[in-house]
């Protein structure tokens, strides 16, 4: 089941400066603050900053669809013509993500939480 887009991740080059900028934009302190990810939560929406995003091919924000079955969703999208960009991987606390792109090059993020 797809629970909709609840997370948007921005690839950033300077995590400290981006954390300051997004903190001011969103008006809240980070809910996660590590050297590999800074996250904010505003109105039921998670906004994340990823200093490794550009290395994973992200050139702009990626919207993540929250799904119950990430393997099944990835397989269904691949069968429908999507291409894998970033394989399913764990990112901590049992959360897993994957990134695909559609036939037009649009990025599709998937996430599954325990």
N, C-alpha and C. Protein backbone atom coordinates (compact mmCIF):
# COMPACT_ATOMS: atom_id res chain seq x y z
N UNK A 1 0.84 -1.17 0.00
CA UNK A 1 0.00 0.00 0.00
C UNK A 1 0.89 1.25 0.00
N UNK A 2 0.56 2.21 -0.80
CA UNK A 2 1.28 3.48 -0.87
C UNK A 2 0.59 4.47 0.06
N UNK A 3 1.34 5.04 0.98
CA UNK A 3 0.80 5.98 1.95
C UNK A 3 1.00 7.43 1.51
N UNK A 4 1.47 7.62 0.28
CA UNK A 4 1.65 8.96 -0.25
C UNK A 4 3.04 9.51 0.01
N UNK A 5 3.28 10.67 -0.52
CA UNK A 5 4.57 11.34 -0.36
C UNK A 5 4.57 12.03 1.00
N UNK A 6 5.48 11.61 1.86
CA UNK A 6 5.59 12.21 3.18
C UNK A 6 7.01 12.71 3.46
N UNK A 7 7.93 12.45 2.54
CA UNK A 7 9.33 12.83 2.74
C UNK A 7 9.89 13.42 1.45
N UNK A 8 10.60 14.52 1.58
CA UNK A 8 11.32 15.11 0.46
C UNK A 8 12.77 15.30 0.91
N UNK A 9 13.71 14.77 0.11
CA UNK A 9 15.12 14.87 0.44
C UNK A 9 15.82 15.77 -0.59
N UNK A 10 16.56 16.74 -0.08
CA UNK A 10 17.35 17.64 -0.92
C UNK A 10 18.82 17.23 -0.87
N UNK A 11 19.46 17.06 -2.03
CA UNK A 11 20.90 16.85 -2.01
C UNK A 11 21.59 18.19 -1.74
N UNK A 12 22.55 18.20 -0.84
CA UNK A 12 23.23 19.46 -0.50
C UNK A 12 24.74 19.24 -0.51
N UNK A 13 25.46 20.31 -0.75
CA UNK A 13 26.91 20.22 -0.74
C UNK A 13 27.50 20.67 0.59
N UNK A 14 26.89 21.64 1.23
CA UNK A 14 27.36 22.13 2.51
C UNK A 14 26.25 21.91 3.54
N UNK A 15 26.38 20.83 4.29
CA UNK A 15 25.31 20.44 5.21
C UNK A 15 25.07 21.49 6.29
N UNK A 16 26.12 22.07 6.82
CA UNK A 16 25.96 23.07 7.89
C UNK A 16 25.21 24.31 7.40
N UNK A 17 25.59 24.83 6.26
CA UNK A 17 24.91 26.01 5.72
C UNK A 17 23.47 25.68 5.34
N UNK A 18 23.26 24.50 4.76
CA UNK A 18 21.91 24.10 4.37
C UNK A 18 21.03 23.90 5.58
N UNK A 19 21.59 23.35 6.66
CA UNK A 19 20.83 23.17 7.90
C UNK A 19 20.36 24.52 8.42
N UNK A 20 21.22 25.52 8.40
CA UNK A 20 20.84 26.86 8.84
C UNK A 20 19.74 27.43 7.96
N UNK A 21 19.93 27.33 6.64
CA UNK A 21 18.95 27.88 5.70
C UNK A 21 17.59 27.22 5.88
N UNK A 22 17.54 25.88 5.91
CA UNK A 22 16.25 25.20 6.03
C UNK A 22 15.64 25.38 7.41
N UNK A 23 16.47 25.52 8.44
CA UNK A 23 15.95 25.81 9.77
C UNK A 23 15.20 27.13 9.79
N UNK A 24 15.77 28.11 9.12
CA UNK A 24 15.10 29.41 9.05
C UNK A 24 13.86 29.35 8.17
N UNK A 25 13.95 28.64 7.06
CA UNK A 25 12.79 28.50 6.17
C UNK A 25 11.64 27.82 6.89
N UNK A 26 11.93 26.72 7.57
CA UNK A 26 10.87 25.91 8.17
C UNK A 26 10.48 26.38 9.57
N UNK A 27 11.35 27.14 10.22
CA UNK A 27 11.03 27.67 11.54
C UNK A 27 11.07 26.65 12.66
N UNK A 28 11.81 25.56 12.46
CA UNK A 28 11.93 24.52 13.48
C UNK A 28 13.38 24.03 13.54
N UNK A 29 13.71 23.40 14.66
CA UNK A 29 15.01 22.75 14.82
C UNK A 29 14.97 21.37 14.17
N UNK A 30 16.11 20.84 13.77
CA UNK A 30 16.14 19.50 13.17
C UNK A 30 15.67 18.43 14.15
N UNK A 31 15.00 17.43 13.63
CA UNK A 31 14.62 16.26 14.42
C UNK A 31 15.69 15.18 14.31
N UNK A 32 16.54 15.27 13.29
CA UNK A 32 17.70 14.39 13.11
C UNK A 32 18.85 15.28 12.67
N UNK A 33 20.00 15.09 13.29
CA UNK A 33 21.15 15.94 12.97
C UNK A 33 22.42 15.11 13.06
N UNK A 34 22.83 14.54 11.94
CA UNK A 34 24.02 13.70 11.87
C UNK A 34 24.91 14.19 10.74
N UNK A 35 26.15 13.73 10.67
CA UNK A 35 27.02 14.15 9.56
C UNK A 35 26.56 13.65 8.19
N UNK A 36 25.67 12.65 8.16
CA UNK A 36 25.20 12.09 6.88
C UNK A 36 23.75 12.42 6.57
N UNK A 37 23.05 13.14 7.46
CA UNK A 37 21.64 13.47 7.20
C UNK A 37 21.15 14.45 8.26
N UNK A 38 20.44 15.47 7.81
CA UNK A 38 19.73 16.37 8.72
C UNK A 38 18.27 16.37 8.30
N UNK A 39 17.40 16.15 9.26
CA UNK A 39 15.98 16.08 8.94
C UNK A 39 15.14 17.01 9.80
N UNK A 40 14.08 17.52 9.19
CA UNK A 40 13.13 18.39 9.86
C UNK A 40 11.74 17.78 9.70
N UNK A 41 10.86 18.06 10.64
CA UNK A 41 9.48 17.59 10.56
C UNK A 41 8.56 18.80 10.73
N UNK A 42 7.73 19.02 9.69
CA UNK A 42 6.84 20.18 9.69
C UNK A 42 5.48 19.74 9.14
N UNK A 43 4.45 19.86 9.94
CA UNK A 43 3.09 19.58 9.49
C UNK A 43 2.91 18.20 8.90
N UNK A 44 3.54 17.19 9.49
CA UNK A 44 3.41 15.83 9.00
C UNK A 44 4.30 15.52 7.80
N UNK A 45 5.11 16.47 7.42
CA UNK A 45 6.02 16.31 6.27
C UNK A 45 7.46 16.26 6.79
N UNK A 46 8.24 15.29 6.30
CA UNK A 46 9.66 15.22 6.63
C UNK A 46 10.46 15.84 5.50
N UNK A 47 11.34 16.76 5.87
CA UNK A 47 12.23 17.42 4.92
C UNK A 47 13.64 17.04 5.32
N UNK A 48 14.39 16.42 4.39
CA UNK A 48 15.73 15.96 4.70
C UNK A 48 16.78 16.60 3.83
N UNK A 49 18.00 16.68 4.38
CA UNK A 49 19.16 17.20 3.67
C UNK A 49 20.20 16.08 3.61
N UNK A 50 20.62 15.72 2.40
CA UNK A 50 21.54 14.60 2.21
C UNK A 50 22.83 15.08 1.55
N UNK A 51 23.96 15.11 2.31
CA UNK A 51 25.21 15.55 1.72
C UNK A 51 25.80 14.57 0.72
N UNK A 52 25.22 13.38 0.61
CA UNK A 52 25.70 12.37 -0.35
C UNK A 52 24.76 12.23 -1.54
N UNK A 53 23.72 13.03 -1.58
CA UNK A 53 22.72 12.92 -2.63
C UNK A 53 23.26 13.09 -4.03
N UNK A 54 24.15 14.06 -4.22
CA UNK A 54 24.70 14.28 -5.56
C UNK A 54 25.49 13.06 -6.03
N UNK A 55 26.18 12.40 -5.10
CA UNK A 55 26.93 11.18 -5.45
C UNK A 55 26.01 10.05 -5.89
N UNK A 56 24.77 10.07 -5.42
CA UNK A 56 23.79 9.06 -5.80
C UNK A 56 22.96 9.49 -7.01
N UNK A 57 23.38 10.55 -7.68
CA UNK A 57 22.72 10.96 -8.90
C UNK A 57 21.57 11.94 -8.72
N UNK A 58 21.35 12.44 -7.52
CA UNK A 58 20.28 13.39 -7.30
C UNK A 58 20.75 14.78 -7.73
N UNK A 59 19.97 15.41 -8.59
CA UNK A 59 20.27 16.76 -9.04
C UNK A 59 19.30 17.77 -8.49
N UNK A 60 18.33 17.30 -7.74
CA UNK A 60 17.31 18.14 -7.14
C UNK A 60 16.58 17.34 -6.09
N UNK A 61 15.53 17.90 -5.50
CA UNK A 61 14.80 17.19 -4.46
C UNK A 61 14.18 15.90 -4.97
N UNK A 62 14.13 14.91 -4.09
CA UNK A 62 13.48 13.64 -4.40
C UNK A 62 12.31 13.45 -3.44
N UNK A 63 11.14 13.23 -4.00
CA UNK A 63 9.95 12.93 -3.20
C UNK A 63 9.91 11.44 -2.94
N UNK A 64 9.73 11.06 -1.69
CA UNK A 64 9.70 9.64 -1.30
C UNK A 64 8.28 9.22 -0.97
N UNK A 65 7.80 8.21 -1.69
CA UNK A 65 6.51 7.59 -1.41
C UNK A 65 6.72 6.58 -0.29
N UNK A 66 5.90 6.66 0.74
CA UNK A 66 5.97 5.70 1.85
C UNK A 66 5.14 4.48 1.47
N UNK A 67 5.78 3.32 1.47
CA UNK A 67 5.11 2.09 1.05
C UNK A 67 5.26 1.02 2.13
N UNK A 68 4.35 0.05 2.12
CA UNK A 68 4.39 -1.06 3.07
C UNK A 68 5.35 -2.16 2.64
N UNK A 69 5.53 -2.33 1.32
CA UNK A 69 6.34 -3.42 0.78
C UNK A 69 7.30 -2.87 -0.27
N UNK A 70 8.49 -2.48 0.16
CA UNK A 70 9.41 -1.83 -0.76
C UNK A 70 9.89 -2.78 -1.86
N UNK A 71 10.13 -4.05 -1.51
CA UNK A 71 10.56 -5.01 -2.54
C UNK A 71 9.49 -5.19 -3.61
N UNK A 72 8.25 -5.38 -3.18
CA UNK A 72 7.15 -5.56 -4.12
C UNK A 72 6.91 -4.33 -4.98
N UNK A 73 7.04 -3.15 -4.37
CA UNK A 73 6.83 -1.91 -5.12
C UNK A 73 7.94 -1.72 -6.14
N UNK A 74 9.20 -1.97 -5.74
CA UNK A 74 10.32 -1.85 -6.68
C UNK A 74 10.11 -2.81 -7.85
N UNK A 75 9.76 -4.05 -7.56
CA UNK A 75 9.55 -5.04 -8.62
C UNK A 75 8.43 -4.61 -9.58
N UNK A 76 7.33 -4.12 -9.02
CA UNK A 76 6.21 -3.67 -9.87
C UNK A 76 6.62 -2.51 -10.76
N UNK A 77 7.40 -1.58 -10.22
CA UNK A 77 7.84 -0.44 -11.03
C UNK A 77 8.84 -0.85 -12.10
N UNK A 78 9.75 -1.77 -11.77
CA UNK A 78 10.69 -2.27 -12.77
C UNK A 78 9.95 -2.98 -13.91
N UNK A 79 8.95 -3.76 -13.56
CA UNK A 79 8.15 -4.47 -14.57
C UNK A 79 7.37 -3.49 -15.44
N UNK A 80 7.05 -2.32 -14.88
CA UNK A 80 6.30 -1.31 -15.64
C UNK A 80 7.21 -0.40 -16.46
N UNK A 81 8.53 -0.62 -16.38
CA UNK A 81 9.46 0.13 -17.21
C UNK A 81 10.38 1.09 -16.48
N UNK A 82 10.30 1.14 -15.17
CA UNK A 82 11.21 2.01 -14.41
C UNK A 82 12.62 1.44 -14.42
N UNK A 83 13.58 2.27 -14.09
CA UNK A 83 14.98 1.87 -14.03
C UNK A 83 15.51 2.15 -12.62
N UNK A 84 16.27 1.21 -12.09
CA UNK A 84 16.82 1.36 -10.74
C UNK A 84 17.93 2.40 -10.75
N UNK A 85 17.89 3.33 -9.82
CA UNK A 85 18.93 4.34 -9.65
C UNK A 85 19.76 3.99 -8.41
N UNK A 86 19.08 3.66 -7.32
CA UNK A 86 19.74 3.31 -6.06
C UNK A 86 19.01 2.11 -5.47
N UNK A 87 19.71 1.00 -5.33
CA UNK A 87 19.11 -0.22 -4.80
C UNK A 87 18.55 -0.01 -3.40
N UNK A 88 17.70 -0.92 -2.99
CA UNK A 88 17.14 -0.88 -1.64
C UNK A 88 18.29 -0.96 -0.64
N UNK A 89 18.28 -0.03 0.32
CA UNK A 89 19.31 -0.06 1.36
C UNK A 89 18.74 0.45 2.66
N UNK A 90 19.30 -0.03 3.75
CA UNK A 90 18.91 0.44 5.07
C UNK A 90 19.59 1.75 5.38
N UNK A 91 18.85 2.66 6.02
CA UNK A 91 19.40 3.96 6.37
C UNK A 91 19.30 4.24 7.87
N UNK A 92 19.08 3.20 8.66
CA UNK A 92 19.03 3.34 10.11
C UNK A 92 17.65 3.14 10.69
N UNK A 93 17.63 2.61 11.89
CA UNK A 93 16.39 2.37 12.63
C UNK A 93 15.39 1.52 11.87
N UNK A 94 15.88 0.63 11.00
CA UNK A 94 15.01 -0.25 10.24
C UNK A 94 14.38 0.37 9.01
N UNK A 95 14.62 1.63 8.77
CA UNK A 95 14.08 2.33 7.59
C UNK A 95 14.88 1.93 6.36
N UNK A 96 14.18 1.71 5.25
CA UNK A 96 14.84 1.35 4.00
C UNK A 96 14.35 2.26 2.89
N UNK A 97 15.25 2.55 1.95
CA UNK A 97 14.91 3.41 0.83
C UNK A 97 15.38 2.78 -0.48
N UNK A 98 14.81 3.25 -1.56
CA UNK A 98 15.24 2.91 -2.92
C UNK A 98 14.88 4.09 -3.81
N UNK A 99 15.63 4.24 -4.90
CA UNK A 99 15.35 5.32 -5.85
C UNK A 99 15.32 4.73 -7.25
N UNK A 100 14.28 5.07 -8.00
CA UNK A 100 14.13 4.62 -9.38
C UNK A 100 13.87 5.84 -10.25
N UNK A 101 13.87 5.65 -11.55
CA UNK A 101 13.42 6.72 -12.44
C UNK A 101 12.49 6.12 -13.47
N UNK A 102 11.54 6.95 -13.89
CA UNK A 102 10.58 6.49 -14.89
C UNK A 102 11.17 6.66 -16.29
N UNK A 103 10.39 6.36 -17.29
CA UNK A 103 10.86 6.39 -18.67
C UNK A 103 11.24 7.79 -19.14
N UNK A 104 10.75 8.83 -18.44
CA UNK A 104 11.06 10.20 -18.81
C UNK A 104 12.19 10.78 -17.97
N UNK A 105 12.79 9.96 -17.11
CA UNK A 105 13.90 10.41 -16.28
C UNK A 105 13.47 11.03 -14.96
N UNK A 106 12.17 11.00 -14.64
CA UNK A 106 11.69 11.53 -13.37
C UNK A 106 12.09 10.59 -12.23
N UNK A 107 12.61 11.16 -11.16
CA UNK A 107 13.08 10.38 -10.02
C UNK A 107 11.90 10.02 -9.12
N UNK A 108 11.87 8.75 -8.68
CA UNK A 108 10.84 8.24 -7.79
C UNK A 108 11.55 7.64 -6.56
N UNK A 109 11.32 8.23 -5.41
CA UNK A 109 11.87 7.70 -4.18
C UNK A 109 10.85 6.83 -3.47
N UNK A 110 11.33 5.76 -2.86
CA UNK A 110 10.48 4.88 -2.06
C UNK A 110 11.11 4.74 -0.68
N UNK A 111 10.28 4.67 0.34
CA UNK A 111 10.77 4.40 1.68
C UNK A 111 9.79 3.49 2.40
N UNK A 112 10.34 2.63 3.24
CA UNK A 112 9.55 1.73 4.07
C UNK A 112 10.09 1.82 5.48
N UNK A 113 9.21 2.09 6.43
CA UNK A 113 9.60 2.15 7.83
C UNK A 113 9.06 0.92 8.54
N UNK A 114 9.78 0.50 9.60
CA UNK A 114 9.33 -0.73 10.31
C UNK A 114 8.02 -0.51 11.04
